N, C-alpha and C. Protein backbone atom coordinates (compact mmCIF):
# COMPACT_ATOMS: atom_id res chain seq x y z
N UNK A 1 12.72 -175.41 157.35
CA UNK A 1 14.13 -175.77 157.20
C UNK A 1 15.02 -174.84 158.02
N UNK A 2 14.74 -173.53 157.98
CA UNK A 2 15.54 -172.58 158.74
C UNK A 2 15.37 -172.81 160.23
N UNK A 3 14.18 -173.23 160.65
CA UNK A 3 13.96 -173.53 162.08
C UNK A 3 14.83 -174.69 162.51
N UNK A 4 14.92 -175.71 161.64
CA UNK A 4 15.75 -176.86 161.98
C UNK A 4 17.23 -176.47 162.07
N UNK A 5 17.68 -175.59 161.19
CA UNK A 5 19.07 -175.13 161.24
C UNK A 5 19.33 -174.37 162.54
N UNK A 6 18.35 -173.58 162.95
CA UNK A 6 18.50 -172.84 164.20
C UNK A 6 18.58 -173.80 165.39
N UNK A 7 17.74 -174.82 165.40
CA UNK A 7 17.79 -175.83 166.47
C UNK A 7 19.14 -176.51 166.48
N UNK A 8 19.65 -176.83 165.27
CA UNK A 8 20.94 -177.51 165.16
C UNK A 8 22.06 -176.63 165.70
N UNK A 9 21.97 -175.32 165.47
CA UNK A 9 23.01 -174.41 165.93
C UNK A 9 22.95 -174.18 167.43
N UNK A 10 21.74 -174.28 168.03
CA UNK A 10 21.58 -173.93 169.44
C UNK A 10 21.40 -175.14 170.36
N UNK A 11 21.42 -176.34 169.80
CA UNK A 11 21.12 -177.50 170.63
C UNK A 11 22.18 -177.76 171.70
N UNK A 12 23.39 -177.20 171.51
CA UNK A 12 24.42 -177.36 172.54
C UNK A 12 24.13 -176.51 173.77
N UNK A 13 23.24 -175.53 173.63
CA UNK A 13 22.94 -174.63 174.73
C UNK A 13 21.54 -174.83 175.31
N UNK A 14 20.64 -175.43 174.53
CA UNK A 14 19.26 -175.61 174.98
C UNK A 14 18.77 -176.99 174.54
N UNK A 15 17.84 -177.59 175.28
CA UNK A 15 17.28 -178.88 174.87
C UNK A 15 16.54 -178.76 173.54
N UNK A 16 16.64 -179.81 172.74
CA UNK A 16 15.98 -179.82 171.44
C UNK A 16 14.47 -179.67 171.60
N UNK A 17 13.90 -180.34 172.60
CA UNK A 17 12.46 -180.27 172.80
C UNK A 17 12.00 -178.84 173.08
N UNK A 18 12.76 -178.11 173.89
CA UNK A 18 12.38 -176.73 174.20
C UNK A 18 12.50 -175.85 172.95
N UNK A 19 13.57 -176.02 172.19
CA UNK A 19 13.76 -175.23 170.97
C UNK A 19 12.64 -175.50 169.98
N UNK A 20 12.27 -176.77 169.84
CA UNK A 20 11.21 -177.13 168.90
C UNK A 20 9.88 -176.52 169.33
N UNK A 21 9.62 -176.54 170.64
CA UNK A 21 8.36 -175.98 171.14
C UNK A 21 8.31 -174.47 170.91
N UNK A 22 9.41 -173.77 171.18
CA UNK A 22 9.45 -172.32 171.00
C UNK A 22 9.28 -171.95 169.53
N UNK A 23 9.89 -172.73 168.65
CA UNK A 23 9.83 -172.43 167.22
C UNK A 23 8.59 -172.99 166.54
N UNK A 24 7.80 -173.76 167.27
CA UNK A 24 6.55 -174.27 166.72
C UNK A 24 6.72 -175.38 165.71
N UNK A 25 7.76 -176.21 165.88
CA UNK A 25 7.96 -177.36 164.99
C UNK A 25 8.03 -178.63 165.82
N UNK A 26 7.89 -179.76 165.16
CA UNK A 26 7.92 -181.04 165.86
C UNK A 26 9.36 -181.49 166.08
N UNK A 27 9.62 -182.02 167.27
CA UNK A 27 10.95 -182.54 167.55
C UNK A 27 11.31 -183.66 166.60
N UNK A 28 10.33 -184.52 166.29
CA UNK A 28 10.57 -185.63 165.37
C UNK A 28 10.96 -185.12 163.98
N UNK A 29 10.37 -183.99 163.58
CA UNK A 29 10.72 -183.41 162.29
C UNK A 29 12.16 -182.97 162.24
N UNK A 30 12.65 -182.40 163.36
CA UNK A 30 14.06 -182.01 163.40
C UNK A 30 14.96 -183.22 163.28
N UNK A 31 14.66 -184.29 164.02
CA UNK A 31 15.52 -185.47 163.96
C UNK A 31 15.49 -186.11 162.58
N UNK A 32 14.32 -186.08 161.93
CA UNK A 32 14.25 -186.61 160.56
C UNK A 32 15.11 -185.77 159.61
N UNK A 33 15.05 -184.44 159.80
CA UNK A 33 15.84 -183.54 158.96
C UNK A 33 17.33 -183.75 159.19
N UNK A 34 17.73 -183.90 160.45
CA UNK A 34 19.16 -184.01 160.77
C UNK A 34 19.75 -185.35 160.33
N UNK A 35 18.89 -186.38 160.15
CA UNK A 35 19.40 -187.70 159.77
C UNK A 35 19.53 -187.87 158.26
N UNK A 36 19.01 -186.91 157.48
CA UNK A 36 19.12 -187.02 156.03
C UNK A 36 20.56 -186.80 155.58
N UNK A 37 20.98 -187.49 154.53
CA UNK A 37 22.34 -187.25 154.00
C UNK A 37 22.45 -185.84 153.44
N UNK A 38 23.62 -185.27 153.58
CA UNK A 38 23.84 -183.90 153.10
C UNK A 38 23.70 -183.84 151.58
N UNK A 39 23.09 -182.77 151.09
CA UNK A 39 22.93 -182.57 149.66
C UNK A 39 24.25 -182.17 149.02
N UNK A 40 24.31 -182.25 147.70
CA UNK A 40 25.53 -181.86 146.99
C UNK A 40 25.85 -180.39 147.24
N UNK A 41 24.80 -179.56 147.30
CA UNK A 41 25.00 -178.15 147.55
C UNK A 41 25.59 -177.92 148.94
N UNK A 42 25.08 -178.66 149.93
CA UNK A 42 25.59 -178.52 151.30
C UNK A 42 27.05 -178.94 151.38
N UNK A 43 27.39 -180.05 150.71
CA UNK A 43 28.78 -180.51 150.71
C UNK A 43 29.69 -179.49 150.03
N UNK A 44 29.21 -178.90 148.94
CA UNK A 44 30.00 -177.88 148.25
C UNK A 44 30.20 -176.66 149.13
N UNK A 45 29.14 -176.27 149.85
CA UNK A 45 29.26 -175.14 150.77
C UNK A 45 30.26 -175.43 151.88
N UNK A 46 30.26 -176.65 152.38
CA UNK A 46 31.19 -177.01 153.44
C UNK A 46 32.63 -176.94 152.95
N UNK A 47 32.89 -177.44 151.73
CA UNK A 47 34.24 -177.39 151.17
C UNK A 47 34.67 -175.94 150.92
N UNK A 48 33.74 -175.15 150.40
CA UNK A 48 34.05 -173.74 150.14
C UNK A 48 34.29 -172.97 151.43
N UNK A 49 33.51 -173.29 152.46
CA UNK A 49 33.69 -172.63 153.76
C UNK A 49 35.08 -172.90 154.32
N UNK A 50 35.58 -174.11 154.12
CA UNK A 50 36.92 -174.44 154.61
C UNK A 50 37.98 -173.61 153.90
N UNK A 51 37.82 -173.42 152.58
CA UNK A 51 38.76 -172.58 151.85
C UNK A 51 38.66 -171.12 152.29
N UNK A 52 37.44 -170.69 152.57
CA UNK A 52 37.24 -169.32 153.07
C UNK A 52 37.92 -169.15 154.42
N UNK A 53 37.78 -170.14 155.29
CA UNK A 53 38.43 -170.07 156.60
C UNK A 53 39.95 -169.94 156.45
N UNK A 54 40.53 -170.68 155.51
CA UNK A 54 41.98 -170.63 155.32
C UNK A 54 42.43 -169.26 154.83
N UNK A 55 41.69 -168.70 153.86
CA UNK A 55 42.02 -167.37 153.34
C UNK A 55 41.88 -166.32 154.44
N UNK A 56 40.81 -166.43 155.21
CA UNK A 56 40.57 -165.48 156.31
C UNK A 56 41.67 -165.58 157.35
N UNK A 57 42.11 -166.79 157.65
CA UNK A 57 43.18 -166.97 158.64
C UNK A 57 44.50 -166.41 158.13
N UNK A 58 44.80 -166.65 156.83
CA UNK A 58 46.05 -166.13 156.26
C UNK A 58 46.08 -164.60 156.26
N UNK A 59 44.91 -163.98 156.21
CA UNK A 59 44.85 -162.52 156.23
C UNK A 59 44.88 -161.96 157.66
N UNK A 60 45.13 -162.84 158.62
CA UNK A 60 45.09 -162.47 160.04
C UNK A 60 43.72 -161.95 160.43
N UNK A 61 42.72 -162.58 159.83
CA UNK A 61 41.31 -162.30 160.11
C UNK A 61 40.93 -160.85 159.79
N UNK A 62 41.58 -160.28 158.75
CA UNK A 62 41.27 -158.91 158.36
C UNK A 62 40.40 -158.85 157.10
N UNK A 63 40.39 -159.90 156.27
CA UNK A 63 39.67 -159.87 155.01
C UNK A 63 38.17 -160.02 155.24
N UNK A 64 37.39 -159.17 154.59
CA UNK A 64 35.95 -159.33 154.53
C UNK A 64 35.56 -160.09 153.27
N UNK A 65 34.26 -160.15 153.00
CA UNK A 65 33.77 -160.91 151.85
C UNK A 65 34.35 -160.44 150.52
N UNK A 66 34.48 -159.13 150.24
CA UNK A 66 35.02 -158.72 148.95
C UNK A 66 36.43 -159.23 148.68
N UNK A 67 37.30 -159.14 149.69
CA UNK A 67 38.68 -159.59 149.47
C UNK A 67 38.79 -161.11 149.45
N UNK A 68 37.99 -161.77 150.28
CA UNK A 68 37.98 -163.24 150.21
C UNK A 68 37.48 -163.69 148.84
N UNK A 69 36.45 -163.03 148.34
CA UNK A 69 35.92 -163.36 147.01
C UNK A 69 36.99 -163.14 145.95
N UNK A 70 37.76 -162.04 146.04
CA UNK A 70 38.82 -161.79 145.08
C UNK A 70 39.89 -162.87 145.13
N UNK A 71 40.24 -163.33 146.32
CA UNK A 71 41.23 -164.40 146.45
C UNK A 71 40.73 -165.70 145.82
N UNK A 72 39.46 -166.00 146.03
CA UNK A 72 38.90 -167.23 145.45
C UNK A 72 38.88 -167.15 143.93
N UNK A 73 38.43 -166.02 143.39
CA UNK A 73 38.28 -165.87 141.94
C UNK A 73 39.62 -165.71 141.24
N UNK A 74 40.45 -164.79 141.75
CA UNK A 74 41.69 -164.45 141.06
C UNK A 74 42.87 -165.30 141.52
N UNK A 75 42.91 -165.65 142.80
CA UNK A 75 44.02 -166.44 143.30
C UNK A 75 43.87 -167.93 143.09
N UNK A 76 42.66 -168.45 143.28
CA UNK A 76 42.41 -169.89 143.19
C UNK A 76 41.57 -170.28 141.97
N UNK A 77 41.13 -169.29 141.20
CA UNK A 77 40.32 -169.53 139.99
C UNK A 77 39.07 -170.35 140.30
N UNK A 78 38.42 -170.02 141.43
CA UNK A 78 37.18 -170.68 141.82
C UNK A 78 36.01 -169.78 141.44
N UNK A 79 35.13 -170.26 140.60
CA UNK A 79 33.97 -169.48 140.16
C UNK A 79 32.89 -169.52 141.24
N UNK A 80 32.73 -168.42 141.90
CA UNK A 80 31.75 -168.35 142.99
C UNK A 80 31.25 -166.92 143.08
N UNK A 81 29.99 -166.75 143.43
CA UNK A 81 29.41 -165.43 143.56
C UNK A 81 29.79 -164.76 144.86
N UNK A 82 29.87 -163.44 144.82
CA UNK A 82 30.24 -162.69 146.02
C UNK A 82 29.18 -162.82 147.11
N UNK A 83 27.90 -162.88 146.74
CA UNK A 83 26.85 -163.02 147.73
C UNK A 83 26.95 -164.36 148.46
N UNK A 84 27.33 -165.39 147.72
CA UNK A 84 27.48 -166.71 148.35
C UNK A 84 28.63 -166.69 149.35
N UNK A 85 29.74 -166.05 148.99
CA UNK A 85 30.87 -165.92 149.91
C UNK A 85 30.44 -165.17 151.17
N UNK A 86 29.69 -164.09 150.99
CA UNK A 86 29.23 -163.31 152.15
C UNK A 86 28.32 -164.14 153.04
N UNK A 87 27.43 -164.94 152.42
CA UNK A 87 26.51 -165.78 153.20
C UNK A 87 27.29 -166.82 154.00
N UNK A 88 28.25 -167.48 153.36
CA UNK A 88 29.02 -168.51 154.05
C UNK A 88 29.86 -167.91 155.17
N UNK A 89 30.37 -166.71 154.95
CA UNK A 89 31.14 -166.06 156.02
C UNK A 89 30.24 -165.71 157.20
N UNK A 90 29.02 -165.26 156.91
CA UNK A 90 28.08 -164.98 158.01
C UNK A 90 27.76 -166.25 158.77
N UNK A 91 27.50 -167.33 158.03
CA UNK A 91 27.17 -168.60 158.69
C UNK A 91 28.33 -169.09 159.56
N UNK A 92 29.57 -168.85 159.08
CA UNK A 92 30.75 -169.29 159.84
C UNK A 92 31.21 -168.26 160.86
N UNK A 93 30.47 -167.14 160.93
CA UNK A 93 30.79 -166.06 161.86
C UNK A 93 32.19 -165.51 161.62
N UNK A 94 32.52 -165.33 160.35
CA UNK A 94 33.79 -164.73 159.94
C UNK A 94 33.52 -163.34 159.41
N UNK A 95 34.30 -162.39 159.81
CA UNK A 95 34.15 -161.03 159.30
C UNK A 95 35.51 -160.36 159.22
N UNK A 96 35.58 -159.35 158.34
CA UNK A 96 36.81 -158.63 158.17
C UNK A 96 36.92 -157.47 159.14
N UNK A 97 38.06 -156.80 159.06
CA UNK A 97 38.30 -155.63 159.88
C UNK A 97 38.02 -154.40 159.04
N UNK A 98 37.12 -153.55 159.51
CA UNK A 98 36.75 -152.34 158.79
C UNK A 98 37.29 -151.14 159.56
N UNK A 99 38.22 -150.47 158.93
CA UNK A 99 38.79 -149.27 159.55
C UNK A 99 38.62 -148.10 158.60
N UNK A 100 38.32 -146.96 159.15
CA UNK A 100 38.18 -145.75 158.35
C UNK A 100 39.55 -145.35 157.81
N UNK A 101 39.58 -144.98 156.55
CA UNK A 101 40.83 -144.56 155.94
C UNK A 101 41.38 -143.35 156.68
N UNK A 102 42.65 -143.45 157.07
CA UNK A 102 43.25 -142.40 157.88
C UNK A 102 43.96 -141.35 157.04
N UNK A 103 44.39 -141.72 155.87
CA UNK A 103 45.07 -140.77 155.01
C UNK A 103 44.87 -141.20 153.57
N UNK A 104 44.92 -140.26 152.67
CA UNK A 104 44.69 -140.57 151.27
C UNK A 104 45.88 -141.23 150.62
N UNK A 105 45.62 -142.12 149.68
CA UNK A 105 46.69 -142.75 148.91
C UNK A 105 47.09 -141.86 147.75
N UNK A 106 46.11 -141.24 147.11
CA UNK A 106 46.39 -140.41 145.95
C UNK A 106 46.92 -139.05 146.37
N UNK A 107 48.09 -138.69 145.86
CA UNK A 107 48.67 -137.39 146.12
C UNK A 107 49.06 -136.77 144.79
N UNK A 108 48.35 -135.76 144.38
CA UNK A 108 48.55 -135.16 143.08
C UNK A 108 49.87 -134.41 143.02
N UNK A 109 50.58 -134.58 141.91
CA UNK A 109 51.82 -133.85 141.67
C UNK A 109 51.48 -132.52 141.03
N UNK A 110 51.70 -131.40 141.72
CA UNK A 110 51.32 -130.10 141.15
C UNK A 110 52.14 -129.72 139.93
N UNK A 111 53.30 -130.37 139.73
CA UNK A 111 54.16 -130.07 138.59
C UNK A 111 53.76 -130.84 137.33
N UNK A 112 52.90 -131.85 137.49
CA UNK A 112 52.55 -132.70 136.35
C UNK A 112 51.44 -132.05 135.54
N UNK A 113 51.60 -132.08 134.22
CA UNK A 113 50.57 -131.55 133.32
C UNK A 113 49.47 -132.59 133.16
N UNK A 114 48.19 -132.21 133.30
CA UNK A 114 47.10 -133.18 133.15
C UNK A 114 47.09 -133.81 131.76
N UNK A 115 46.81 -135.10 131.72
CA UNK A 115 46.71 -135.79 130.43
C UNK A 115 45.37 -135.47 129.78
N UNK A 116 45.28 -135.62 128.44
CA UNK A 116 43.98 -135.39 127.78
C UNK A 116 42.90 -136.30 128.35
N UNK A 117 41.70 -135.76 128.49
CA UNK A 117 40.58 -136.52 129.05
C UNK A 117 39.95 -137.36 127.94
N UNK A 118 40.29 -138.65 127.92
CA UNK A 118 39.76 -139.55 126.90
C UNK A 118 38.41 -140.14 127.29
N UNK A 119 38.05 -140.01 128.57
CA UNK A 119 36.81 -140.63 129.07
C UNK A 119 35.65 -139.63 129.08
N UNK A 120 35.95 -138.40 129.48
CA UNK A 120 34.93 -137.35 129.56
C UNK A 120 33.75 -137.76 130.45
N UNK A 121 34.09 -138.38 131.58
CA UNK A 121 33.11 -138.79 132.59
C UNK A 121 32.12 -139.83 132.10
N UNK A 122 32.38 -140.45 130.97
CA UNK A 122 31.49 -141.51 130.45
C UNK A 122 32.09 -142.86 130.81
N UNK A 123 31.62 -143.43 131.92
CA UNK A 123 32.17 -144.69 132.41
C UNK A 123 31.26 -145.88 132.06
N UNK A 124 30.51 -145.78 130.97
CA UNK A 124 29.64 -146.87 130.51
C UNK A 124 30.01 -147.24 129.08
N UNK A 125 31.11 -147.96 128.90
CA UNK A 125 31.52 -148.35 127.54
C UNK A 125 30.54 -149.34 126.93
N UNK A 126 30.54 -149.49 125.60
CA UNK A 126 29.57 -150.37 124.94
C UNK A 126 29.93 -151.85 124.99
N UNK A 127 31.15 -152.20 125.40
CA UNK A 127 31.58 -153.60 125.38
C UNK A 127 32.73 -153.78 126.36
N UNK A 128 33.07 -155.04 126.70
CA UNK A 128 34.20 -155.30 127.60
C UNK A 128 35.51 -154.83 126.98
N UNK A 129 36.49 -154.57 127.84
CA UNK A 129 37.85 -154.24 127.44
C UNK A 129 37.91 -153.02 126.54
N UNK A 130 37.01 -152.07 126.75
CA UNK A 130 37.08 -150.78 126.08
C UNK A 130 37.58 -149.71 127.05
N UNK A 131 37.21 -149.85 128.33
CA UNK A 131 37.63 -148.89 129.35
C UNK A 131 37.94 -149.62 130.65
N UNK A 132 39.18 -149.50 131.11
CA UNK A 132 39.59 -150.00 132.41
C UNK A 132 39.84 -148.81 133.32
N UNK A 133 39.43 -148.94 134.58
CA UNK A 133 39.73 -147.91 135.57
C UNK A 133 40.54 -148.55 136.70
N UNK A 134 41.47 -147.80 137.24
CA UNK A 134 42.38 -148.34 138.24
C UNK A 134 42.40 -147.45 139.48
N UNK A 135 42.66 -148.09 140.61
CA UNK A 135 42.73 -147.34 141.86
C UNK A 135 43.55 -148.12 142.87
N UNK A 136 43.91 -147.46 143.97
CA UNK A 136 44.67 -148.09 145.05
C UNK A 136 43.93 -147.85 146.35
N UNK A 137 43.79 -148.89 147.15
CA UNK A 137 43.23 -148.77 148.49
C UNK A 137 44.28 -149.21 149.50
N UNK A 138 44.07 -148.87 150.75
CA UNK A 138 45.05 -149.22 151.77
C UNK A 138 44.35 -149.78 153.00
N UNK A 139 45.09 -150.59 153.75
CA UNK A 139 44.56 -151.20 154.97
C UNK A 139 45.68 -151.32 155.99
N UNK A 140 45.43 -150.86 157.20
CA UNK A 140 46.42 -151.01 158.26
C UNK A 140 46.37 -152.43 158.80
N UNK A 141 47.52 -153.09 158.93
CA UNK A 141 47.62 -154.44 159.47
C UNK A 141 48.58 -154.43 160.65
N UNK A 142 48.74 -155.59 161.26
CA UNK A 142 49.65 -155.68 162.38
C UNK A 142 51.10 -155.41 162.00
N UNK A 143 51.43 -155.58 160.71
CA UNK A 143 52.79 -155.35 160.24
C UNK A 143 52.94 -154.02 159.51
N UNK A 144 51.91 -153.17 159.57
CA UNK A 144 51.98 -151.89 158.88
C UNK A 144 50.92 -151.77 157.79
N UNK A 145 51.09 -150.78 156.89
CA UNK A 145 50.11 -150.55 155.83
C UNK A 145 50.27 -151.58 154.72
N UNK A 146 49.13 -152.01 154.18
CA UNK A 146 49.09 -152.91 153.03
C UNK A 146 48.31 -152.19 151.93
N UNK A 147 48.85 -152.22 150.71
CA UNK A 147 48.26 -151.48 149.59
C UNK A 147 47.79 -152.46 148.51
N UNK A 148 46.59 -152.22 148.01
CA UNK A 148 45.99 -153.06 146.98
C UNK A 148 45.68 -152.20 145.76
N UNK A 149 46.29 -152.54 144.63
CA UNK A 149 46.01 -151.87 143.36
C UNK A 149 45.11 -152.79 142.53
N UNK A 150 44.05 -152.23 141.96
CA UNK A 150 43.12 -153.02 141.17
C UNK A 150 42.87 -152.33 139.83
N UNK A 151 42.57 -153.16 138.83
CA UNK A 151 42.14 -152.68 137.52
C UNK A 151 40.77 -153.28 137.25
N UNK A 152 39.78 -152.44 136.99
CA UNK A 152 38.40 -152.88 136.86
C UNK A 152 37.89 -152.56 135.45
N UNK A 153 37.22 -153.56 134.84
CA UNK A 153 36.57 -153.35 133.54
C UNK A 153 35.26 -152.61 133.78
N UNK A 154 35.13 -151.40 133.22
CA UNK A 154 33.94 -150.60 133.48
C UNK A 154 32.68 -151.22 132.92
N UNK A 155 32.78 -152.05 131.88
CA UNK A 155 31.59 -152.64 131.28
C UNK A 155 31.00 -153.73 132.18
N UNK A 156 31.83 -154.65 132.62
CA UNK A 156 31.35 -155.80 133.40
C UNK A 156 31.45 -155.57 134.90
N UNK A 157 32.15 -154.50 135.32
CA UNK A 157 32.43 -154.24 136.74
C UNK A 157 33.25 -155.37 137.35
N UNK A 158 34.01 -156.05 136.55
CA UNK A 158 34.82 -157.17 137.01
C UNK A 158 36.27 -156.72 137.19
N UNK A 159 36.90 -157.17 138.28
CA UNK A 159 38.31 -156.89 138.49
C UNK A 159 39.12 -157.79 137.57
N UNK A 160 39.90 -157.20 136.68
CA UNK A 160 40.65 -157.97 135.69
C UNK A 160 42.14 -158.03 136.04
N UNK A 161 42.57 -157.25 136.99
CA UNK A 161 43.96 -157.30 137.42
C UNK A 161 44.10 -156.71 138.82
N UNK A 162 45.04 -157.24 139.60
CA UNK A 162 45.25 -156.72 140.94
C UNK A 162 46.66 -157.03 141.41
N UNK A 163 47.10 -156.26 142.37
CA UNK A 163 48.43 -156.44 142.95
C UNK A 163 48.39 -155.94 144.37
N UNK A 164 49.13 -156.61 145.25
CA UNK A 164 49.15 -156.23 146.66
C UNK A 164 50.60 -156.17 147.13
N UNK A 165 50.92 -155.12 147.91
CA UNK A 165 52.28 -154.96 148.40
C UNK A 165 52.27 -154.06 149.63
N UNK A 166 53.44 -153.93 150.24
CA UNK A 166 53.57 -153.08 151.43
C UNK A 166 54.19 -151.73 151.07
N UNK A 167 54.12 -151.35 149.80
CA UNK A 167 54.70 -150.08 149.36
C UNK A 167 53.82 -149.46 148.28
N UNK A 168 54.13 -148.21 147.94
CA UNK A 168 53.39 -147.48 146.91
C UNK A 168 54.27 -147.18 145.70
N UNK A 169 55.28 -148.02 145.45
CA UNK A 169 56.14 -147.79 144.30
C UNK A 169 55.41 -148.13 143.00
N UNK A 170 55.99 -147.70 141.89
CA UNK A 170 55.33 -147.82 140.59
C UNK A 170 55.00 -149.27 140.25
N UNK A 171 55.85 -150.21 140.67
CA UNK A 171 55.59 -151.60 140.30
C UNK A 171 54.29 -152.14 140.86
N UNK A 172 53.79 -151.53 141.93
CA UNK A 172 52.50 -151.98 142.49
C UNK A 172 51.40 -151.85 141.44
N UNK A 173 51.31 -150.67 140.80
CA UNK A 173 50.26 -150.47 139.81
C UNK A 173 50.60 -151.14 138.48
N UNK A 174 51.89 -151.22 138.14
CA UNK A 174 52.27 -151.89 136.90
C UNK A 174 51.97 -153.38 136.96
N UNK A 175 52.18 -154.01 138.12
CA UNK A 175 51.88 -155.43 138.25
C UNK A 175 50.40 -155.70 138.06
N UNK A 176 49.54 -154.82 138.59
CA UNK A 176 48.10 -154.99 138.40
C UNK A 176 47.73 -154.85 136.93
N UNK A 177 48.32 -153.86 136.25
CA UNK A 177 48.04 -153.67 134.83
C UNK A 177 48.55 -154.82 134.00
N UNK A 178 49.75 -155.32 134.32
CA UNK A 178 50.30 -156.45 133.58
C UNK A 178 49.43 -157.69 133.73
N UNK A 179 48.89 -157.92 134.95
CA UNK A 179 48.00 -159.06 135.14
C UNK A 179 46.76 -158.92 134.27
N UNK A 180 46.19 -157.71 134.23
CA UNK A 180 44.99 -157.49 133.43
C UNK A 180 45.26 -157.75 131.95
N UNK A 181 46.39 -157.25 131.45
CA UNK A 181 46.72 -157.45 130.03
C UNK A 181 46.95 -158.93 129.74
N UNK A 182 47.65 -159.63 130.64
CA UNK A 182 47.93 -161.05 130.42
C UNK A 182 46.65 -161.88 130.43
N UNK A 183 45.70 -161.52 131.31
CA UNK A 183 44.46 -162.30 131.42
C UNK A 183 43.49 -162.00 130.30
N UNK A 184 43.39 -160.73 129.89
CA UNK A 184 42.34 -160.32 128.96
C UNK A 184 42.80 -160.22 127.51
N UNK A 185 44.10 -159.98 127.29
CA UNK A 185 44.62 -159.81 125.93
C UNK A 185 43.76 -158.83 125.13
N UNK A 186 43.64 -157.59 125.60
CA UNK A 186 42.73 -156.64 124.95
C UNK A 186 43.23 -156.21 123.57
N UNK A 187 42.29 -155.83 122.72
CA UNK A 187 42.63 -155.31 121.40
C UNK A 187 43.06 -153.86 121.51
N UNK A 188 43.63 -153.34 120.44
CA UNK A 188 44.06 -151.95 120.42
C UNK A 188 42.86 -151.02 120.63
N UNK A 189 43.10 -149.90 121.31
CA UNK A 189 42.05 -148.92 121.54
C UNK A 189 41.52 -148.90 122.95
N UNK A 190 41.94 -149.84 123.78
CA UNK A 190 41.50 -149.85 125.18
C UNK A 190 42.02 -148.61 125.90
N UNK A 191 41.19 -147.98 126.70
CA UNK A 191 41.59 -146.83 127.52
C UNK A 191 41.79 -147.29 128.96
N UNK A 192 42.94 -146.95 129.53
CA UNK A 192 43.24 -147.25 130.92
C UNK A 192 43.22 -145.93 131.69
N UNK A 193 42.31 -145.82 132.64
CA UNK A 193 42.06 -144.55 133.34
C UNK A 193 42.42 -144.66 134.81
N UNK A 194 43.19 -143.70 135.32
CA UNK A 194 43.45 -143.59 136.76
C UNK A 194 43.25 -142.14 137.17
N UNK A 195 43.28 -141.91 138.48
CA UNK A 195 43.17 -140.54 138.96
C UNK A 195 44.56 -139.90 139.00
N UNK A 196 44.68 -138.78 139.69
CA UNK A 196 45.95 -138.06 139.77
C UNK A 196 46.86 -138.79 140.76
N UNK A 197 47.63 -139.74 140.32
CA UNK A 197 48.41 -140.58 141.20
C UNK A 197 49.76 -139.98 141.56
N UNK A 198 50.43 -140.63 142.53
CA UNK A 198 51.72 -140.14 143.01
C UNK A 198 52.86 -141.00 142.48
N UNK A 199 52.56 -142.10 141.77
CA UNK A 199 53.61 -143.00 141.32
C UNK A 199 54.30 -142.44 140.07
N UNK A 200 55.62 -142.56 139.97
CA UNK A 200 56.32 -142.14 138.76
C UNK A 200 55.74 -142.85 137.54
N UNK A 201 55.63 -142.11 136.45
CA UNK A 201 55.05 -142.58 135.20
C UNK A 201 53.55 -142.82 135.31
N UNK A 202 52.97 -142.55 136.45
CA UNK A 202 51.51 -142.61 136.60
C UNK A 202 50.99 -141.28 137.14
N UNK A 203 51.76 -140.20 136.96
CA UNK A 203 51.34 -138.91 137.50
C UNK A 203 50.30 -138.28 136.58
N UNK A 204 49.52 -137.39 137.17
CA UNK A 204 48.49 -136.71 136.40
C UNK A 204 47.25 -137.57 136.26
N UNK A 205 46.26 -137.07 135.56
CA UNK A 205 45.07 -137.86 135.28
C UNK A 205 45.44 -138.79 134.15
N UNK A 206 45.92 -139.98 134.52
CA UNK A 206 46.63 -140.86 133.58
C UNK A 206 45.64 -141.67 132.77
N UNK A 207 45.46 -141.28 131.52
CA UNK A 207 44.55 -141.99 130.62
C UNK A 207 45.31 -142.29 129.34
N UNK A 208 45.56 -143.58 129.10
CA UNK A 208 46.30 -143.98 127.91
C UNK A 208 45.45 -144.92 127.08
N UNK A 209 45.59 -144.81 125.79
CA UNK A 209 44.96 -145.75 124.89
C UNK A 209 45.99 -146.83 124.58
N UNK A 210 45.80 -148.02 125.14
CA UNK A 210 46.78 -149.08 125.00
C UNK A 210 46.78 -149.62 123.57
N UNK A 211 48.00 -149.86 123.05
CA UNK A 211 48.13 -150.32 121.67
C UNK A 211 48.31 -151.83 121.68
N UNK A 212 47.23 -152.55 121.90
CA UNK A 212 47.31 -154.00 121.85
C UNK A 212 47.79 -154.60 123.15
N UNK A 213 47.66 -155.93 123.25
CA UNK A 213 47.98 -156.60 124.52
C UNK A 213 49.46 -156.71 124.75
N UNK A 214 50.30 -156.56 123.75
CA UNK A 214 51.72 -156.76 123.95
C UNK A 214 52.41 -155.53 124.52
N UNK A 215 51.70 -154.40 124.59
CA UNK A 215 52.30 -153.17 125.08
C UNK A 215 51.76 -152.84 126.45
N UNK A 216 52.60 -152.95 127.47
CA UNK A 216 52.21 -152.52 128.81
C UNK A 216 52.62 -151.08 128.98
N UNK A 217 51.86 -150.35 129.78
CA UNK A 217 52.16 -148.93 129.99
C UNK A 217 53.30 -148.81 130.98
N UNK A 218 54.47 -148.68 130.49
CA UNK A 218 55.66 -148.56 131.35
C UNK A 218 56.41 -147.29 131.00
């Protein structure tokens, strides 16, 4: 099957008979394979690839598989595995822009008193929505820096909230936290952990025990 796909991809550059001979398969077998109706899985992959192309184009061809996957899951509510997104992007020859981080996002305030350590380096909670960890990453684009704040459930390793903006103001991280609370509706006792951030009201090693879903950390 993979040989037939390779012939199909290269037939515009080489004769089918030559490709079949080099790969050790029958030319008739390729034509029989190519004439079969597409399977449901193939049709689903084609539709998903088109959505991936649109997301990749909107990102000015900067998004890789992780960010495309986040857009599909969180933005479009499409249940799809990250490995499948990566495979379809490889097949479509789509890739993101990988640049080494040039400067740190986190800048510790030396005047801020450290918060009590509620985690104690134990990032393996016994159940979902017991411990959330948050961070900010940055990416240089044609229009300047773009910042992504995420909130991740340590139990499932699933992103439960995110926010993207062209600034590092407090609302960037608050919007991500608000999304997480709205989506998950966690019970009282959840710990929200961040590093030593530079945002007002998020300074220090910010670890709060949230009191129910109706209270956002503001």
